[in-house]
N, C-alpha and C. Protein backbone atom coordinates (compact mmCIF):
# COMPACT_ATOMS: atom_id res chain seq x y z
N MET A 1 13.08 6.23 -0.06
CA MET A 1 11.74 6.70 -0.43
C MET A 1 10.72 5.97 0.46
N ASP A 2 9.79 6.72 1.05
CA ASP A 2 8.80 6.06 1.89
C ASP A 2 7.68 5.45 1.02
N LYS A 3 6.81 4.69 1.68
CA LYS A 3 5.76 3.96 0.94
C LYS A 3 4.83 4.91 0.18
N LYS A 4 4.46 6.01 0.82
CA LYS A 4 3.52 6.94 0.18
C LYS A 4 4.11 7.50 -1.12
N GLN A 5 5.36 7.93 -1.06
CA GLN A 5 6.02 8.47 -2.26
C GLN A 5 6.17 7.39 -3.34
N PHE A 6 6.53 6.20 -2.90
CA PHE A 6 6.73 5.11 -3.87
C PHE A 6 5.39 4.75 -4.53
N ARG A 7 4.31 4.75 -3.76
CA ARG A 7 2.98 4.47 -4.33
C ARG A 7 2.65 5.50 -5.42
N GLN A 8 2.86 6.77 -5.11
CA GLN A 8 2.57 7.83 -6.08
C GLN A 8 3.39 7.65 -7.35
N ARG A 9 4.65 7.30 -7.18
CA ARG A 9 5.51 7.07 -8.34
C ARG A 9 4.99 5.91 -9.19
N GLN A 10 4.58 4.85 -8.55
CA GLN A 10 4.08 3.68 -9.27
C GLN A 10 2.78 4.01 -10.02
N ILE A 11 1.89 4.74 -9.39
CA ILE A 11 0.63 5.11 -10.04
C ILE A 11 0.93 5.96 -11.28
N GLU A 12 1.86 6.89 -11.16
CA GLU A 12 2.24 7.73 -12.32
C GLU A 12 2.80 6.88 -13.45
N ARG A 13 3.66 5.93 -13.11
CA ARG A 13 4.25 5.06 -14.13
C ARG A 13 3.16 4.25 -14.84
N LEU A 14 2.18 3.77 -14.09
CA LEU A 14 1.09 3.00 -14.69
C LEU A 14 0.23 3.88 -15.60
N ARG A 15 -0.01 5.09 -15.18
CA ARG A 15 -0.82 6.02 -15.98
C ARG A 15 -0.14 6.39 -17.29
N GLN A 16 1.17 6.27 -17.35
CA GLN A 16 1.92 6.63 -18.56
C GLN A 16 1.88 5.54 -19.63
N LEU A 17 1.40 4.35 -19.29
CA LEU A 17 1.30 3.29 -20.31
C LEU A 17 0.25 3.69 -21.34
N SER A 18 0.59 3.62 -22.62
CA SER A 18 -0.40 3.96 -23.65
C SER A 18 -1.48 2.87 -23.67
N PRO A 19 -2.71 3.22 -24.01
CA PRO A 19 -3.80 2.24 -24.04
C PRO A 19 -3.50 1.03 -24.92
N ASP A 20 -2.87 1.23 -26.07
CA ASP A 20 -2.55 0.11 -26.96
C ASP A 20 -1.53 -0.83 -26.35
N VAL A 21 -0.47 -0.27 -25.80
CA VAL A 21 0.57 -1.09 -25.16
C VAL A 21 -0.02 -1.82 -23.96
N LYS A 22 -0.79 -1.11 -23.16
CA LYS A 22 -1.41 -1.69 -21.97
C LYS A 22 -2.30 -2.87 -22.35
N ALA A 23 -3.12 -2.72 -23.37
CA ALA A 23 -4.02 -3.79 -23.81
C ALA A 23 -3.24 -5.02 -24.26
N LYS A 24 -2.15 -4.80 -24.97
CA LYS A 24 -1.33 -5.92 -25.45
C LYS A 24 -0.69 -6.67 -24.27
N LEU A 25 -0.16 -5.92 -23.32
CA LEU A 25 0.46 -6.53 -22.14
C LEU A 25 -0.58 -7.29 -21.32
N GLU A 26 -1.77 -6.72 -21.17
CA GLU A 26 -2.84 -7.37 -20.41
C GLU A 26 -3.21 -8.71 -21.03
N GLU A 27 -3.26 -8.75 -22.34
CA GLU A 27 -3.57 -9.99 -23.05
C GLU A 27 -2.52 -11.07 -22.76
N GLN A 28 -1.25 -10.67 -22.78
CA GLN A 28 -0.16 -11.62 -22.50
C GLN A 28 -0.22 -12.11 -21.05
N ILE A 29 -0.51 -11.21 -20.13
CA ILE A 29 -0.59 -11.58 -18.71
C ILE A 29 -1.75 -12.54 -18.49
N MET A 30 -2.89 -12.26 -19.11
CA MET A 30 -4.06 -13.13 -18.98
C MET A 30 -3.75 -14.53 -19.49
N GLU A 31 -3.06 -14.61 -20.61
CA GLU A 31 -2.66 -15.90 -21.19
C GLU A 31 -1.83 -16.70 -20.18
N ARG A 32 -0.86 -16.06 -19.58
CA ARG A 32 0.02 -16.72 -18.62
C ARG A 32 -0.72 -17.11 -17.35
N PHE A 33 -1.68 -16.31 -16.96
CA PHE A 33 -2.50 -16.61 -15.78
C PHE A 33 -3.26 -17.92 -15.98
N PHE A 34 -3.90 -18.06 -17.13
CA PHE A 34 -4.71 -19.26 -17.37
C PHE A 34 -3.88 -20.50 -17.66
N GLU A 35 -2.58 -20.36 -17.81
CA GLU A 35 -1.69 -21.52 -17.96
C GLU A 35 -1.38 -22.18 -16.62
N GLN A 36 -1.68 -21.51 -15.52
CA GLN A 36 -1.31 -22.00 -14.19
C GLN A 36 -2.27 -23.07 -13.69
N THR A 37 -1.71 -24.14 -13.13
CA THR A 37 -2.50 -25.23 -12.55
C THR A 37 -3.40 -24.72 -11.43
N ALA A 38 -2.88 -23.81 -10.62
CA ALA A 38 -3.67 -23.26 -9.51
C ALA A 38 -4.95 -22.59 -10.01
N VAL A 39 -4.92 -22.08 -11.22
CA VAL A 39 -6.10 -21.44 -11.81
C VAL A 39 -7.04 -22.49 -12.38
N SER A 40 -6.50 -23.42 -13.15
CA SER A 40 -7.35 -24.42 -13.81
C SER A 40 -8.04 -25.35 -12.81
N THR A 41 -7.49 -25.49 -11.60
CA THR A 41 -8.11 -26.36 -10.60
C THR A 41 -8.99 -25.59 -9.61
N ALA A 42 -9.01 -24.28 -9.70
CA ALA A 42 -9.78 -23.45 -8.75
C ALA A 42 -11.28 -23.52 -9.04
N LYS A 43 -12.05 -23.46 -7.97
CA LYS A 43 -13.51 -23.41 -8.10
C LYS A 43 -14.03 -22.02 -7.72
N ASN A 44 -13.37 -21.38 -6.76
CA ASN A 44 -13.77 -20.05 -6.27
C ASN A 44 -12.58 -19.10 -6.34
N VAL A 45 -12.69 -18.08 -7.18
CA VAL A 45 -11.60 -17.12 -7.38
C VAL A 45 -12.06 -15.72 -6.98
N ALA A 46 -11.29 -15.10 -6.09
CA ALA A 46 -11.55 -13.72 -5.69
C ALA A 46 -10.66 -12.80 -6.51
N ILE A 47 -11.25 -11.74 -7.05
CA ILE A 47 -10.51 -10.82 -7.91
C ILE A 47 -11.13 -9.43 -7.80
N THR A 48 -10.31 -8.42 -7.90
CA THR A 48 -10.78 -7.05 -7.79
C THR A 48 -11.41 -6.55 -9.10
N LEU A 49 -12.27 -5.57 -8.98
CA LEU A 49 -12.77 -4.85 -10.15
C LEU A 49 -11.80 -3.68 -10.31
N SER A 50 -10.99 -3.73 -11.33
CA SER A 50 -9.85 -2.82 -11.46
C SER A 50 -10.24 -1.37 -11.72
N GLN A 51 -9.32 -0.49 -11.31
CA GLN A 51 -9.41 0.93 -11.64
C GLN A 51 -8.75 1.12 -13.00
N LYS A 52 -8.99 2.26 -13.62
CA LYS A 52 -8.53 2.49 -14.99
C LYS A 52 -7.02 2.31 -15.17
N PHE A 53 -6.22 2.76 -14.22
CA PHE A 53 -4.76 2.68 -14.38
C PHE A 53 -4.20 1.29 -14.08
N GLU A 54 -5.01 0.43 -13.46
CA GLU A 54 -4.56 -0.93 -13.12
C GLU A 54 -4.73 -1.87 -14.30
N LEU A 55 -4.16 -3.05 -14.16
CA LEU A 55 -4.38 -4.11 -15.13
C LEU A 55 -5.89 -4.38 -15.19
N ASN A 56 -6.46 -4.38 -16.38
CA ASN A 56 -7.90 -4.55 -16.56
C ASN A 56 -8.30 -5.98 -16.23
N THR A 57 -9.11 -6.15 -15.19
CA THR A 57 -9.53 -7.49 -14.78
C THR A 57 -10.82 -7.96 -15.46
N ALA A 58 -11.52 -7.09 -16.16
CA ALA A 58 -12.81 -7.47 -16.78
C ALA A 58 -12.69 -8.68 -17.71
N PRO A 59 -11.70 -8.74 -18.63
CA PRO A 59 -11.60 -9.92 -19.50
C PRO A 59 -11.27 -11.20 -18.73
N ILE A 60 -10.52 -11.07 -17.66
CA ILE A 60 -10.18 -12.23 -16.83
C ILE A 60 -11.43 -12.74 -16.14
N ILE A 61 -12.22 -11.82 -15.60
CA ILE A 61 -13.47 -12.19 -14.93
C ILE A 61 -14.40 -12.91 -15.90
N ARG A 62 -14.55 -12.35 -17.11
CA ARG A 62 -15.42 -13.00 -18.11
C ARG A 62 -14.92 -14.41 -18.42
N SER A 63 -13.63 -14.56 -18.60
CA SER A 63 -13.05 -15.86 -18.94
C SER A 63 -13.22 -16.86 -17.79
N LEU A 64 -13.06 -16.41 -16.57
CA LEU A 64 -13.29 -17.29 -15.42
C LEU A 64 -14.74 -17.77 -15.41
N GLN A 65 -15.67 -16.84 -15.61
CA GLN A 65 -17.09 -17.20 -15.61
C GLN A 65 -17.43 -18.14 -16.76
N GLU A 66 -16.83 -17.92 -17.93
CA GLU A 66 -17.05 -18.83 -19.06
C GLU A 66 -16.56 -20.24 -18.75
N ARG A 67 -15.56 -20.34 -17.90
CA ARG A 67 -15.00 -21.64 -17.50
C ARG A 67 -15.76 -22.23 -16.31
N LYS A 68 -16.86 -21.59 -15.93
CA LYS A 68 -17.71 -22.04 -14.82
C LYS A 68 -16.99 -21.98 -13.48
N ILE A 69 -16.08 -21.02 -13.35
CA ILE A 69 -15.39 -20.79 -12.08
C ILE A 69 -16.12 -19.65 -11.38
N SER A 70 -16.45 -19.85 -10.12
CA SER A 70 -17.17 -18.84 -9.34
C SER A 70 -16.24 -17.65 -9.09
N VAL A 71 -16.73 -16.46 -9.42
CA VAL A 71 -15.95 -15.22 -9.26
C VAL A 71 -16.53 -14.44 -8.09
N LEU A 72 -15.63 -14.00 -7.21
CA LEU A 72 -16.03 -13.19 -6.06
C LEU A 72 -15.25 -11.88 -6.10
N VAL A 73 -15.92 -10.79 -5.74
CA VAL A 73 -15.28 -9.48 -5.79
C VAL A 73 -15.38 -8.81 -4.41
N PRO A 74 -14.45 -7.88 -4.13
CA PRO A 74 -14.42 -7.27 -2.80
C PRO A 74 -15.55 -6.28 -2.55
N LYS A 75 -15.96 -6.30 -1.29
CA LYS A 75 -16.93 -5.33 -0.78
C LYS A 75 -16.36 -4.86 0.56
N THR A 76 -16.27 -3.54 0.73
CA THR A 76 -15.69 -3.01 1.96
C THR A 76 -16.76 -2.61 2.96
N PHE A 77 -16.35 -2.67 4.24
CA PHE A 77 -17.24 -2.35 5.35
C PHE A 77 -16.51 -1.40 6.30
N GLU A 78 -17.19 -0.98 7.35
CA GLU A 78 -16.58 -0.10 8.35
C GLU A 78 -15.33 -0.75 8.94
N ASN A 79 -14.49 0.06 9.54
CA ASN A 79 -13.26 -0.39 10.20
C ASN A 79 -12.30 -1.09 9.25
N ARG A 80 -12.27 -0.63 8.00
CA ARG A 80 -11.34 -1.18 6.99
C ARG A 80 -11.45 -2.70 6.86
N ARG A 81 -12.68 -3.18 6.92
CA ARG A 81 -12.92 -4.61 6.76
C ARG A 81 -13.37 -4.87 5.34
N MET A 82 -12.92 -5.97 4.78
CA MET A 82 -13.27 -6.35 3.41
C MET A 82 -13.73 -7.80 3.41
N GLU A 83 -14.73 -8.08 2.58
CA GLU A 83 -15.22 -9.44 2.36
C GLU A 83 -15.35 -9.62 0.85
N PHE A 84 -15.52 -10.85 0.41
CA PHE A 84 -15.74 -11.13 -1.00
C PHE A 84 -17.14 -11.69 -1.19
N VAL A 85 -17.84 -11.15 -2.19
CA VAL A 85 -19.20 -11.60 -2.50
C VAL A 85 -19.24 -12.08 -3.95
N PRO A 86 -20.14 -13.02 -4.25
CA PRO A 86 -20.23 -13.54 -5.62
C PRO A 86 -20.59 -12.45 -6.63
N LEU A 87 -19.97 -12.54 -7.80
CA LEU A 87 -20.28 -11.65 -8.92
C LEU A 87 -21.00 -12.48 -9.96
N THR A 88 -22.27 -12.14 -10.19
CA THR A 88 -23.06 -12.86 -11.19
C THR A 88 -23.66 -11.83 -12.15
N SER A 89 -24.40 -12.31 -13.13
CA SER A 89 -25.05 -11.39 -14.07
C SER A 89 -26.11 -10.53 -13.36
N GLU A 90 -26.54 -10.96 -12.19
CA GLU A 90 -27.56 -10.22 -11.42
C GLU A 90 -26.95 -9.15 -10.51
N THR A 91 -25.67 -9.22 -10.27
CA THR A 91 -25.02 -8.32 -9.31
C THR A 91 -25.04 -6.88 -9.78
N GLN A 92 -25.53 -6.01 -8.92
CA GLN A 92 -25.50 -4.57 -9.20
C GLN A 92 -24.24 -3.99 -8.57
N LEU A 93 -23.58 -3.10 -9.31
CA LEU A 93 -22.35 -2.48 -8.83
C LEU A 93 -22.55 -0.98 -8.69
N ALA A 94 -21.87 -0.40 -7.71
CA ALA A 94 -21.93 1.06 -7.51
C ALA A 94 -20.56 1.53 -7.01
N PRO A 95 -20.16 2.75 -7.40
CA PRO A 95 -18.88 3.27 -6.91
C PRO A 95 -18.92 3.52 -5.41
N GLN A 96 -17.85 3.13 -4.75
CA GLN A 96 -17.72 3.34 -3.30
C GLN A 96 -16.48 4.18 -3.05
N ALA A 97 -15.76 3.87 -1.98
CA ALA A 97 -14.56 4.64 -1.63
C ALA A 97 -13.59 4.68 -2.80
N PHE A 98 -13.00 5.82 -3.03
CA PHE A 98 -12.02 6.04 -4.11
C PHE A 98 -12.61 5.78 -5.50
N GLY A 99 -13.94 5.73 -5.62
CA GLY A 99 -14.58 5.51 -6.92
C GLY A 99 -14.52 4.08 -7.41
N ILE A 100 -14.12 3.16 -6.55
CA ILE A 100 -14.00 1.74 -6.93
C ILE A 100 -15.38 1.10 -6.92
N LEU A 101 -15.68 0.36 -7.98
CA LEU A 101 -16.97 -0.34 -8.06
C LEU A 101 -17.01 -1.49 -7.07
N GLU A 102 -18.15 -1.59 -6.38
CA GLU A 102 -18.38 -2.68 -5.43
C GLU A 102 -19.81 -3.17 -5.60
N PRO A 103 -20.06 -4.43 -5.22
CA PRO A 103 -21.43 -4.94 -5.28
C PRO A 103 -22.34 -4.20 -4.30
N VAL A 104 -23.58 -4.01 -4.72
CA VAL A 104 -24.60 -3.48 -3.83
C VAL A 104 -25.26 -4.71 -3.23
N GLY A 105 -25.16 -4.87 -1.94
CA GLY A 105 -25.69 -6.08 -1.31
C GLY A 105 -24.76 -7.26 -1.56
N GLY A 106 -25.33 -8.44 -1.47
CA GLY A 106 -24.53 -9.64 -1.66
C GLY A 106 -24.14 -10.24 -0.32
N VAL A 107 -24.07 -11.55 -0.29
CA VAL A 107 -23.72 -12.26 0.94
C VAL A 107 -22.25 -12.67 0.87
N PRO A 108 -21.45 -12.23 1.83
CA PRO A 108 -20.03 -12.60 1.83
C PRO A 108 -19.83 -14.11 1.92
N VAL A 109 -18.80 -14.57 1.23
CA VAL A 109 -18.41 -15.98 1.25
C VAL A 109 -17.32 -16.12 2.31
N ALA A 110 -17.31 -17.24 3.01
CA ALA A 110 -16.28 -17.48 4.03
C ALA A 110 -14.89 -17.46 3.39
N PRO A 111 -13.93 -16.81 4.01
CA PRO A 111 -12.57 -16.77 3.46
C PRO A 111 -12.00 -18.17 3.19
N THR A 112 -12.39 -19.13 3.99
CA THR A 112 -11.90 -20.50 3.82
C THR A 112 -12.45 -21.19 2.58
N ALA A 113 -13.45 -20.60 1.93
CA ALA A 113 -14.03 -21.19 0.71
C ALA A 113 -13.26 -20.79 -0.55
N LEU A 114 -12.35 -19.84 -0.43
CA LEU A 114 -11.63 -19.35 -1.61
C LEU A 114 -10.44 -20.25 -1.94
N ASP A 115 -10.30 -20.54 -3.23
CA ASP A 115 -9.15 -21.33 -3.69
C ASP A 115 -8.00 -20.43 -4.12
N LEU A 116 -8.34 -19.26 -4.63
CA LEU A 116 -7.33 -18.39 -5.23
C LEU A 116 -7.79 -16.94 -5.09
N ILE A 117 -6.85 -16.08 -4.74
CA ILE A 117 -7.14 -14.65 -4.65
C ILE A 117 -6.15 -13.91 -5.55
N VAL A 118 -6.68 -13.17 -6.51
CA VAL A 118 -5.84 -12.31 -7.35
C VAL A 118 -5.68 -11.00 -6.58
N VAL A 119 -4.47 -10.75 -6.12
CA VAL A 119 -4.21 -9.65 -5.20
C VAL A 119 -3.69 -8.42 -5.94
N PRO A 120 -4.39 -7.29 -5.84
CA PRO A 120 -3.92 -6.07 -6.51
C PRO A 120 -2.81 -5.39 -5.72
N GLY A 121 -2.11 -4.50 -6.37
CA GLY A 121 -1.07 -3.74 -5.70
C GLY A 121 -0.36 -2.84 -6.68
N LEU A 122 0.69 -2.21 -6.20
CA LEU A 122 1.42 -1.25 -7.03
C LEU A 122 2.84 -1.70 -7.35
N ALA A 123 3.44 -2.51 -6.47
CA ALA A 123 4.81 -2.98 -6.70
C ALA A 123 5.02 -4.31 -6.00
N TYR A 124 5.92 -5.09 -6.56
CA TYR A 124 6.19 -6.44 -6.04
C TYR A 124 7.67 -6.72 -6.15
N GLU A 125 8.16 -7.66 -5.30
CA GLU A 125 9.57 -8.01 -5.43
C GLU A 125 9.73 -9.50 -5.65
N GLN A 126 10.75 -9.84 -6.43
CA GLN A 126 10.93 -11.19 -6.95
C GLN A 126 11.55 -12.18 -5.98
N THR A 127 12.23 -11.73 -4.96
CA THR A 127 12.95 -12.69 -4.13
C THR A 127 12.10 -13.30 -3.02
N GLY A 128 11.14 -12.56 -2.49
CA GLY A 128 10.32 -13.10 -1.41
C GLY A 128 8.84 -12.96 -1.61
N GLY A 129 8.42 -12.40 -2.74
CA GLY A 129 6.99 -12.25 -3.01
C GLY A 129 6.34 -11.12 -2.24
N ASN A 130 7.12 -10.15 -1.78
CA ASN A 130 6.54 -9.01 -1.07
C ASN A 130 5.78 -8.10 -2.02
N ARG A 131 4.77 -7.43 -1.46
CA ARG A 131 3.87 -6.60 -2.25
C ARG A 131 3.70 -5.25 -1.58
N LEU A 132 3.61 -4.21 -2.40
CA LEU A 132 3.24 -2.89 -1.91
C LEU A 132 1.82 -2.63 -2.39
N GLY A 133 0.88 -2.60 -1.45
CA GLY A 133 -0.51 -2.37 -1.80
C GLY A 133 -0.83 -0.88 -1.89
N PHE A 134 -2.10 -0.57 -1.75
CA PHE A 134 -2.56 0.81 -1.88
C PHE A 134 -2.56 1.57 -0.56
N GLY A 135 -2.25 0.89 0.54
CA GLY A 135 -2.09 1.59 1.80
C GLY A 135 -3.20 1.44 2.82
N GLY A 136 -4.28 0.78 2.47
CA GLY A 136 -5.38 0.63 3.42
C GLY A 136 -5.27 -0.59 4.31
N GLY A 137 -4.47 -1.57 3.91
CA GLY A 137 -4.31 -2.79 4.69
C GLY A 137 -5.45 -3.79 4.53
N TYR A 138 -6.42 -3.49 3.66
CA TYR A 138 -7.57 -4.38 3.48
C TYR A 138 -7.14 -5.80 3.11
N TYR A 139 -6.29 -5.91 2.11
CA TYR A 139 -5.89 -7.23 1.64
C TYR A 139 -5.01 -7.96 2.64
N ASP A 140 -4.06 -7.27 3.27
CA ASP A 140 -3.21 -7.94 4.25
C ASP A 140 -4.06 -8.54 5.37
N ARG A 141 -5.05 -7.80 5.85
CA ARG A 141 -5.92 -8.33 6.91
C ARG A 141 -6.74 -9.51 6.40
N TYR A 142 -7.29 -9.38 5.19
CA TYR A 142 -8.14 -10.45 4.66
C TYR A 142 -7.32 -11.71 4.38
N LEU A 143 -6.16 -11.56 3.78
CA LEU A 143 -5.36 -12.72 3.39
C LEU A 143 -4.98 -13.59 4.58
N LYS A 144 -4.83 -13.00 5.74
CA LYS A 144 -4.53 -13.77 6.95
C LYS A 144 -5.70 -14.67 7.33
N ARG A 145 -6.89 -14.33 6.89
CA ARG A 145 -8.09 -15.13 7.19
C ARG A 145 -8.32 -16.22 6.15
N ALA A 146 -7.53 -16.22 5.08
CA ALA A 146 -7.69 -17.20 3.99
C ALA A 146 -6.33 -17.85 3.68
N PRO A 147 -5.71 -18.50 4.68
CA PRO A 147 -4.36 -19.03 4.46
C PRO A 147 -4.29 -20.13 3.40
N GLN A 148 -5.40 -20.81 3.14
CA GLN A 148 -5.41 -21.90 2.16
C GLN A 148 -5.44 -21.40 0.71
N ALA A 149 -5.88 -20.17 0.51
CA ALA A 149 -6.03 -19.64 -0.85
C ALA A 149 -4.67 -19.27 -1.44
N HIS A 150 -4.47 -19.62 -2.70
CA HIS A 150 -3.27 -19.19 -3.41
C HIS A 150 -3.38 -17.68 -3.65
N LYS A 151 -2.32 -16.97 -3.36
CA LYS A 151 -2.28 -15.51 -3.52
C LYS A 151 -1.47 -15.21 -4.78
N ILE A 152 -2.19 -14.80 -5.83
CA ILE A 152 -1.56 -14.59 -7.13
C ILE A 152 -1.62 -13.12 -7.53
N VAL A 153 -0.50 -12.64 -8.04
CA VAL A 153 -0.40 -11.26 -8.51
C VAL A 153 -0.33 -11.27 -10.03
N LEU A 154 -1.10 -10.40 -10.65
CA LEU A 154 -1.01 -10.15 -12.09
C LEU A 154 -0.52 -8.72 -12.23
N ALA A 155 0.67 -8.55 -12.80
CA ALA A 155 1.28 -7.22 -12.84
C ALA A 155 2.01 -6.98 -14.14
N PHE A 156 2.23 -5.72 -14.44
CA PHE A 156 3.09 -5.37 -15.56
C PHE A 156 4.53 -5.52 -15.08
N ASN A 157 5.41 -5.92 -15.97
CA ASN A 157 6.80 -6.16 -15.59
C ASN A 157 7.42 -4.93 -14.92
N GLN A 158 6.99 -3.73 -15.31
CA GLN A 158 7.54 -2.51 -14.71
C GLN A 158 7.18 -2.35 -13.23
N GLN A 159 6.29 -3.19 -12.72
CA GLN A 159 5.90 -3.13 -11.31
C GLN A 159 6.72 -4.08 -10.45
N VAL A 160 7.55 -4.91 -11.07
CA VAL A 160 8.28 -5.95 -10.34
C VAL A 160 9.75 -5.57 -10.22
N TYR A 161 10.27 -5.72 -9.00
CA TYR A 161 11.64 -5.34 -8.69
C TYR A 161 12.41 -6.53 -8.12
N PRO A 162 13.74 -6.58 -8.33
CA PRO A 162 14.54 -7.67 -7.77
C PRO A 162 14.51 -7.68 -6.24
N ALA A 163 14.41 -6.50 -5.63
CA ALA A 163 14.30 -6.36 -4.18
C ALA A 163 13.32 -5.23 -3.89
N ALA A 164 12.76 -5.24 -2.69
CA ALA A 164 11.79 -4.20 -2.32
C ALA A 164 12.47 -2.84 -2.26
N HIS A 165 11.89 -1.86 -2.94
CA HIS A 165 12.37 -0.47 -2.90
C HIS A 165 11.52 0.34 -1.92
N TRP A 166 10.83 -0.35 -1.03
CA TRP A 166 9.95 0.26 -0.06
C TRP A 166 10.13 -0.51 1.25
N PRO A 167 9.77 0.10 2.38
CA PRO A 167 9.88 -0.62 3.65
C PRO A 167 8.87 -1.77 3.69
N VAL A 168 9.33 -2.97 4.07
CA VAL A 168 8.45 -4.13 4.21
C VAL A 168 8.15 -4.29 5.69
N ASP A 169 6.87 -4.33 6.05
CA ASP A 169 6.46 -4.45 7.44
C ASP A 169 6.20 -5.91 7.80
N GLN A 170 6.26 -6.21 9.09
CA GLN A 170 6.06 -7.58 9.55
C GLN A 170 4.65 -8.10 9.28
N PHE A 171 3.66 -7.23 9.17
CA PHE A 171 2.29 -7.67 8.93
C PHE A 171 1.97 -7.82 7.44
N ASP A 172 2.90 -7.44 6.57
CA ASP A 172 2.69 -7.60 5.12
C ASP A 172 2.67 -9.09 4.77
N VAL A 173 1.66 -9.51 4.03
CA VAL A 173 1.52 -10.91 3.63
C VAL A 173 2.23 -11.10 2.29
N THR A 174 3.04 -12.14 2.18
CA THR A 174 3.76 -12.40 0.93
C THR A 174 2.86 -13.16 -0.05
N MET A 175 3.17 -13.00 -1.33
CA MET A 175 2.40 -13.62 -2.40
C MET A 175 2.98 -15.01 -2.72
N ASP A 176 2.15 -15.83 -3.37
CA ASP A 176 2.58 -17.17 -3.78
C ASP A 176 3.12 -17.18 -5.20
N LEU A 177 2.57 -16.31 -6.04
CA LEU A 177 2.93 -16.32 -7.46
C LEU A 177 2.79 -14.91 -8.03
N ILE A 178 3.80 -14.47 -8.76
CA ILE A 178 3.75 -13.16 -9.43
C ILE A 178 3.92 -13.41 -10.93
N ILE A 179 2.92 -12.99 -11.71
CA ILE A 179 2.91 -13.21 -13.16
C ILE A 179 2.91 -11.85 -13.87
N THR A 180 3.79 -11.72 -14.86
CA THR A 180 3.80 -10.52 -15.71
C THR A 180 3.70 -10.98 -17.16
N GLU A 181 3.76 -10.00 -18.07
CA GLU A 181 3.74 -10.33 -19.50
C GLU A 181 4.94 -11.18 -19.90
N GLN A 182 5.99 -11.16 -19.08
CA GLN A 182 7.19 -11.95 -19.38
C GLN A 182 7.18 -13.31 -18.70
N GLY A 183 6.08 -13.65 -18.05
CA GLY A 183 5.96 -14.96 -17.41
C GLY A 183 5.98 -14.87 -15.90
N VAL A 184 6.28 -16.00 -15.26
CA VAL A 184 6.31 -16.09 -13.80
C VAL A 184 7.57 -15.40 -13.29
N GLN A 185 7.40 -14.43 -12.40
CA GLN A 185 8.52 -13.67 -11.83
C GLN A 185 8.88 -14.14 -10.42
N PHE A 186 7.92 -14.78 -9.76
CA PHE A 186 8.15 -15.32 -8.42
C PHE A 186 7.16 -16.46 -8.22
N LYS A 187 7.65 -17.53 -7.59
CA LYS A 187 6.79 -18.68 -7.31
C LYS A 187 7.32 -19.32 -6.04
N ASN A 188 6.45 -19.49 -5.03
CA ASN A 188 6.92 -20.16 -3.83
C ASN A 188 6.53 -21.63 -3.86
N GLU A 189 6.89 -22.34 -2.81
CA GLU A 189 6.68 -23.80 -2.78
C GLU A 189 5.22 -24.21 -2.69
N ARG A 190 4.31 -23.30 -2.37
CA ARG A 190 2.88 -23.64 -2.29
C ARG A 190 2.25 -23.87 -3.66
N ILE A 191 2.86 -23.35 -4.70
CA ILE A 191 2.30 -23.42 -6.05
C ILE A 191 2.91 -24.58 -6.81
N ARG A 192 2.02 -25.39 -7.40
CA ARG A 192 2.50 -26.52 -8.23
C ARG A 192 2.78 -26.04 -9.62
């Protein structure tokens, strides 16, 4: 199965989760996320504003802000370039490409200032931390500019596979930590 077909299959599987089950799983994943040392020691966390079928990041964002952790969200630019800008109570959001909410304005933060990036995607594998994203390459390009940041995945267990069921390319960036409702599914040596 090629990447495009596998992405479609994953999106369909996510859409089939009932709202009640999804909410319960999200709560468990959030709990496990905040148990991580990499999270409790972070000062600047980059995280996406999720789409409806994805894991809901809104409660995580609120909890990070309540803990006085700076939250940054993606903003896209021409040539498939992405930067992260601070998300505050003053930030105005508007739908952009694919209907995804992005900040209107905002000054990008240097990639080297990020401690942790919560990386979205559709599928992950447990043996090497490989990820299947949405196909634009935005995150793979950005992550190479922020090598110091911990790359953490928050996913439903149904998104995690023992081995990649999709072609893995040489430019794909591997993750440091994969967390599901069942706990840590992958952890590399960078994570304490």
